[in-house]
Each structure stands twice: as C-alpha cells, then as structure tokens.
Amino acid sequence: MRTTFSSAVAESAQDYIRRGWTVAETANGACLVTDEDIAGIEVTGDTAAFVRRYLRANNLTGPVIEIPGAERREIHLVTGLRKAARAIEALREAGVVVYSDGAGIPLPPSKLSAGAACWSVAPHEARWVPPVVAIGAAVRAAAKGAPQAARIAS
C-alpha cells in the first residue's frame, strides 16, 4: 500500500489511511479502493434524499460523499459485504451502483468534471460505517413508497 502522496492530497490521504482504508492517488485527488471491509453504495435523485432521511431517522447514518452534478448523487460508505450477497443483488436490481472488489471511489476533495467531491457526513462526524443491509433497507423502503416513508420525510 502506498504511504506517500503529493502535497495536494497528503493530509486527507493520511487521515483516510489511519482509518484503515486503502487509498490511491489519482490525477484528481485521493481514491478509496474498496475491499472486503469497506465499499460504497451510490444512490441518486429522490431515492438519495429518502435514503438520507431514513438513515437519520433510524440513527444509521455513516460517512456520505456528495458527488457534484445536475442530479443529486451520494455515495454511502458501508461494511459487511461478505455476508450480504442477497442485499447487494437487490440493490443492483433496484438500479443502485455498488462499488466493491477494488472499485475506486473519489474521496474529498477530489476534483471531478462538475466540481469537487465533498463530505455530506464526514467520517469523524459519523458514529460508525453502517452495514450494507442498512442502506438496502432504506432503498427498499424508498422503492415501496410505504406509509412509513411519509413519516420519515416529515
């Protein structure tokens, strides 16, 4: 694992590495390399807004990266992929992007085509990194449009 970075990303990269994350430097900044311990779930649009409210209402919020662009895009960092094959399959069937198995996730303050990635909920602000099944439950609830969704949205 690389432990030296250019001065532009060195401070943030070292903080991520102290958390046990594998980090790579890209031309645009730092990138989280997903593995069996940490992954990312990307949700967009209204689903992203619902998922955030659901997680907050149930005290399940973990680190969340906002990706700039015309549509709301959020990447929720998660754990527990080893034992969650069905949850991952359901998320993919719901049209959610699952970053795992060495996929890269831009870490703030990486520069992207529409701006810079930023923390919506920074790792030091979150009490934990939630399991993927928590995000799966939130996405399922959003898809159902259940009466519970109205309670959470208020």
C-alpha atoms as a PDB file:
ATOM      1  CA  MET A   1       0.000   0.000   0.000  1.00  0.00           C
ATOM      2  CA  ARG A   2       1.295   3.411  -0.943  1.00  0.00           C
ATOM      3  CA  THR A   3       2.006   5.707   2.004  1.00  0.00           C
ATOM      4  CA  THR A   4       3.483   8.743   0.274  1.00  0.00           C
ATOM      5  CA  PHE A   5       1.356  11.203  -1.661  1.00  0.00           C
ATOM      6  CA  SER A   6       1.776  14.557  -3.334  1.00  0.00           C
ATOM      7  CA  SER A   7       1.366  17.519  -1.016  1.00  0.00           C
ATOM      8  CA  ALA A   8      -2.045  18.294  -2.546  1.00  0.00           C
ATOM      9  CA  VAL A   9      -3.640  15.111  -1.135  1.00  0.00           C
ATOM     10  CA  ALA A  10      -1.194  14.083   1.596  1.00  0.00           C
ATOM     11  CA  GLU A  11      -3.106  15.330   4.657  1.00  0.00           C
ATOM     12  CA  SER A  12      -6.500  13.932   3.718  1.00  0.00           C
ATOM     13  CA  ALA A  13      -4.998  10.671   2.415  1.00  0.00           C
ATOM     14  CA  GLN A  14      -3.138  10.088   5.670  1.00  0.00           C
ATOM     15  CA  ASP A  15      -6.367  10.603   7.642  1.00  0.00           C
ATOM     16  CA  TYR A  16      -8.123   8.013   5.475  1.00  0.00           C
ATOM     17  CA  ILE A  17      -5.225   5.569   5.838  1.00  0.00           C
ATOM     18  CA  ARG A  18      -5.366   5.939   9.638  1.00  0.00           C
ATOM     19  CA  ARG A  19      -8.962   4.711   9.381  1.00  0.00           C
ATOM     20  CA  GLY A  20      -7.661   1.512   7.785  1.00  0.00           C
ATOM     21  CA  TRP A  21      -8.801   2.409   4.279  1.00  0.00           C
ATOM     22  CA  THR A  22      -6.750   1.626   1.191  1.00  0.00           C
ATOM     23  CA  VAL A  23      -6.149   4.891  -0.641  1.00  0.00           C
ATOM     24  CA  ALA A  24      -4.646   5.552  -4.051  1.00  0.00           C
ATOM     25  CA  GLU A  25      -3.657   8.867  -5.544  1.00  0.00           C
ATOM     26  CA  THR A  26      -5.221   9.790  -8.875  1.00  0.00           C
ATOM     27  CA  ALA A  27      -4.680  12.787 -11.143  1.00  0.00           C
ATOM     28  CA  ASN A  28      -7.716  14.389  -9.453  1.00  0.00           C
ATOM     29  CA  GLY A  29      -7.027  13.601  -5.788  1.00  0.00           C
ATOM     30  CA  ALA A  30      -7.419  10.613  -3.500  1.00  0.00           C
ATOM     31  CA  CYS A  31      -9.433   7.497  -4.240  1.00  0.00           C
ATOM     32  CA  LEU A  32     -10.775   4.914  -1.794  1.00  0.00           C
ATOM     33  CA  VAL A  33     -10.002   1.420  -3.083  1.00  0.00           C
ATOM     34  CA  THR A  34     -12.877  -0.794  -1.991  1.00  0.00           C
ATOM     35  CA  ASP A  35     -12.205  -4.167  -0.434  1.00  0.00           C
ATOM     36  CA  GLU A  36     -13.982  -6.738   1.702  1.00  0.00           C
ATOM     37  CA  ASP A  37     -14.008  -4.329   4.665  1.00  0.00           C
ATOM     38  CA  ILE A  38     -15.322  -1.133   3.052  1.00  0.00           C
ATOM     39  CA  ALA A  39     -17.414  -0.418  -0.015  1.00  0.00           C
ATOM     40  CA  GLY A  40     -19.724   2.264  -1.389  1.00  0.00           C
ATOM     41  CA  ILE A  41     -23.388   2.426  -2.348  1.00  0.00           C
ATOM     42  CA  GLU A  42     -24.330   5.226  -4.759  1.00  0.00           C
ATOM     43  CA  VAL A  43     -27.907   6.480  -4.751  1.00  0.00           C
ATOM     44  CA  THR A  44     -29.314   9.309  -6.842  1.00  0.00           C
ATOM     45  CA  GLY A  45     -32.170  11.785  -7.057  1.00  0.00           C
ATOM     46  CA  ASP A  46     -35.230  11.385  -4.848  1.00  0.00           C
ATOM     47  CA  THR A  47     -34.011   7.986  -3.678  1.00  0.00           C
ATOM     48  CA  ALA A  48     -30.861   9.619  -2.300  1.00  0.00           C
ATOM     49  CA  ALA A  49     -32.907  12.173  -0.372  1.00  0.00           C
ATOM     50  CA  PHE A  50     -35.193   9.468   1.043  1.00  0.00           C
ATOM     51  CA  VAL A  51     -32.276   7.213   1.996  1.00  0.00           C
ATOM     52  CA  ARG A  52     -30.613  10.069   3.910  1.00  0.00           C
ATOM     53  CA  ARG A  53     -33.822  10.826   5.845  1.00  0.00           C
ATOM     54  CA  TYR A  54     -34.414   7.134   6.550  1.00  0.00           C
ATOM     55  CA  LEU A  55     -30.907   6.577   7.866  1.00  0.00           C
ATOM     56  CA  ARG A  56     -31.013   9.718  10.001  1.00  0.00           C
ATOM     57  CA  ALA A  57     -34.433   8.816  11.460  1.00  0.00           C
ATOM     58  CA  ASN A  58     -33.152   5.355  12.380  1.00  0.00           C
ATOM     59  CA  ASN A  59     -29.758   6.557  13.700  1.00  0.00           C
ATOM     60  CA  LEU A  60     -27.938   4.602  10.990  1.00  0.00           C
ATOM     61  CA  THR A  61     -26.084   7.403   9.202  1.00  0.00           C
ATOM     62  CA  GLY A  62     -22.469   6.799   8.289  1.00  0.00           C
ATOM     63  CA  PRO A  63     -19.994   8.648   6.060  1.00  0.00           C
ATOM     64  CA  VAL A  64     -21.596  10.076   2.907  1.00  0.00           C
ATOM     65  CA  ILE A  65     -19.784  11.567  -0.088  1.00  0.00           C
ATOM     66  CA  GLU A  66     -21.653  14.048  -2.288  1.00  0.00           C
ATOM     67  CA  ILE A  67     -20.811  13.892  -5.983  1.00  0.00           C
ATOM     68  CA  PRO A  68     -21.466  17.171  -7.831  1.00  0.00           C
ATOM     69  CA  GLY A  69     -23.703  17.270 -10.871  1.00  0.00           C
ATOM     70  CA  ALA A  70     -27.148  18.144 -12.169  1.00  0.00           C
ATOM     71  CA  GLU A  71     -28.758  15.285 -10.206  1.00  0.00           C
ATOM     72  CA  ARG A  72     -28.227  14.568  -6.533  1.00  0.00           C
ATOM     73  CA  ARG A  73     -25.657  11.765  -6.150  1.00  0.00           C
ATOM     74  CA  GLU A  74     -24.451  10.362  -2.858  1.00  0.00           C
ATOM     75  CA  ILE A  75     -22.098   7.521  -2.045  1.00  0.00           C
ATOM     76  CA  HIS A  76     -22.700   5.915   1.351  1.00  0.00           C
ATOM     77  CA  LEU A  77     -19.672   4.089   2.721  1.00  0.00           C
ATOM     78  CA  VAL A  78     -20.632   0.670   4.093  1.00  0.00           C
ATOM     79  CA  THR A  79     -19.242  -2.511   5.626  1.00  0.00           C
ATOM     80  CA  GLY A  80     -20.467  -6.084   5.820  1.00  0.00           C
ATOM     81  CA  LEU A  81     -20.427  -7.068   2.162  1.00  0.00           C
ATOM     82  CA  ARG A  82     -19.098 -10.576   2.829  1.00  0.00           C
ATOM     83  CA  LYS A  83     -22.372 -11.717   4.372  1.00  0.00           C
ATOM     84  CA  ALA A  84     -24.782  -9.663   2.291  1.00  0.00           C
ATOM     85  CA  ALA A  85     -24.891 -11.184  -1.195  1.00  0.00           C
ATOM     86  CA  ARG A  86     -28.699 -11.002  -1.344  1.00  0.00           C
ATOM     87  CA  ALA A  87     -28.751  -7.381  -0.194  1.00  0.00           C
ATOM     88  CA  ILE A  88     -26.140  -6.437  -2.796  1.00  0.00           C
ATOM     89  CA  GLU A  89     -28.075  -8.231  -5.537  1.00  0.00           C
ATOM     90  CA  ALA A  90     -31.287  -6.441  -4.503  1.00  0.00           C
ATOM     91  CA  LEU A  91     -29.522  -3.073  -4.514  1.00  0.00           C
ATOM     92  CA  ARG A  92     -28.187  -3.663  -8.016  1.00  0.00           C
ATOM     93  CA  GLU A  93     -31.642  -4.772  -9.196  1.00  0.00           C
ATOM     94  CA  ALA A  94     -33.012  -1.505  -7.794  1.00  0.00           C
ATOM     95  CA  GLY A  95     -30.584   0.401 -10.038  1.00  0.00           C
ATOM     96  CA  VAL A  96     -28.163   1.355  -7.282  1.00  0.00           C
ATOM     97  CA  VAL A  97     -24.421   1.391  -8.017  1.00  0.00           C
ATOM     98  CA  VAL A  98     -22.383  -0.838  -5.695  1.00  0.00           C
ATOM     99  CA  TYR A  99     -18.663  -0.068  -5.508  1.00  0.00           C
ATOM    100  CA  SER A 100     -16.809  -3.177  -4.325  1.00  0.00           C
ATOM    101  CA  ASP A 101     -13.985  -5.575  -5.145  1.00  0.00           C
ATOM    102  CA  GLY A 102     -11.301  -2.974  -5.809  1.00  0.00           C
ATOM    103  CA  ALA A 103     -13.516  -0.310  -7.401  1.00  0.00           C
ATOM    104  CA  GLY A 104     -12.404   3.254  -6.732  1.00  0.00           C
ATOM    105  CA  ILE A 105     -14.463   5.936  -5.001  1.00  0.00           C
ATOM    106  CA  PRO A 106     -13.326   9.583  -5.217  1.00  0.00           C
ATOM    107  CA  LEU A 107     -12.552  10.874  -1.743  1.00  0.00           C
ATOM    108  CA  PRO A 108     -12.994  14.539  -0.886  1.00  0.00           C
ATOM    109  CA  PRO A 109     -11.624  16.893  -2.040  1.00  0.00           C
ATOM    110  CA  SER A 110     -11.072  15.051  -5.350  1.00  0.00           C
ATOM    111  CA  LYS A 111     -11.849  17.160  -8.386  1.00  0.00           C
ATOM    112  CA  LEU A 112     -14.475  15.816 -10.777  1.00  0.00           C
ATOM    113  CA  SER A 113     -15.842  17.111 -14.070  1.00  0.00           C
ATOM    114  CA  ALA A 114     -18.719  19.018 -12.388  1.00  0.00           C
ATOM    115  CA  GLY A 115     -16.822  20.198  -9.295  1.00  0.00           C
ATOM    116  CA  ALA A 116     -15.255  18.504  -6.275  1.00  0.00           C
ATOM    117  CA  ALA A 117     -16.425  15.570  -4.201  1.00  0.00           C
ATOM    118  CA  CYS A 118     -17.262  16.659  -0.665  1.00  0.00           C
ATOM    119  CA  TRP A 119     -18.355  15.069   2.578  1.00  0.00           C
ATOM    120  CA  SER A 120     -22.038  15.405   3.337  1.00  0.00           C
ATOM    121  CA  VAL A 121     -21.330  13.427   6.512  1.00  0.00           C
ATOM    122  CA  ALA A 122     -17.594  13.259   7.213  1.00  0.00           C
ATOM    123  CA  PRO A 123     -16.132  10.106   8.759  1.00  0.00           C
ATOM    124  CA  HIS A 124     -15.333  11.937  12.011  1.00  0.00           C
ATOM    125  CA  GLU A 125     -18.976  13.124  12.223  1.00  0.00           C
ATOM    126  CA  ALA A 126     -20.447   9.644  11.796  1.00  0.00           C
ATOM    127  CA  ARG A 127     -20.683   7.285  14.737  1.00  0.00           C
ATOM    128  CA  TRP A 128     -19.864   4.314  12.516  1.00  0.00           C
ATOM    129  CA  VAL A 129     -19.703   2.913   8.994  1.00  0.00           C
ATOM    130  CA  PRO A 130     -23.051   1.104   8.657  1.00  0.00           C
ATOM    131  CA  PRO A 131     -23.548  -2.358   7.178  1.00  0.00           C
ATOM    132  CA  VAL A 132     -24.743  -2.577   3.588  1.00  0.00           C
ATOM    133  CA  VAL A 133     -28.025  -4.118   4.778  1.00  0.00           C
ATOM    134  CA  ALA A 134     -28.944  -0.772   6.421  1.00  0.00           C
ATOM    135  CA  ILE A 135     -28.681   1.001   3.070  1.00  0.00           C
ATOM    136  CA  GLY A 136     -30.550  -1.918   1.478  1.00  0.00           C
ATOM    137  CA  ALA A 137     -33.448  -1.428   3.909  1.00  0.00           C
ATOM    138  CA  ALA A 138     -33.552   2.301   3.146  1.00  0.00           C
ATOM    139  CA  VAL A 139     -33.578   1.707  -0.631  1.00  0.00           C
ATOM    140  CA  ARG A 140     -36.339  -0.927  -0.250  1.00  0.00           C
ATOM    141  CA  ALA A 141     -38.433   1.483   1.815  1.00  0.00           C
ATOM    142  CA  ALA A 142     -37.934   4.216  -0.777  1.00  0.00           C
ATOM    143  CA  ALA A 143     -38.988   1.870  -3.585  1.00  0.00           C
ATOM    144  CA  LYS A 144     -42.134   0.796  -1.736  1.00  0.00           C
ATOM    145  CA  GLY A 145     -43.219   4.353  -1.034  1.00  0.00           C
ATOM    146  CA  ALA A 146     -44.622   2.889   2.149  1.00  0.00           C
ATOM    147  CA  PRO A 147     -46.716   4.924   4.596  1.00  0.00           C
ATOM    148  CA  GLN A 148     -43.606   4.864   6.775  1.00  0.00           C
ATOM    149  CA  ALA A 149     -41.926   6.947   4.059  1.00  0.00           C
ATOM    150  CA  ALA A 150     -44.300   9.828   4.746  1.00  0.00           C
ATOM    151  CA  ARG A 151     -43.457   9.744   8.467  1.00  0.00           C
ATOM    152  CA  ILE A 152     -39.726   9.768   7.759  1.00  0.00           C
ATOM    153  CA  ALA A 153     -39.970  12.520   5.161  1.00  0.00           C
ATOM    154  CA  SER A 154     -41.618  14.914   7.614  1.00  0.00           C
END
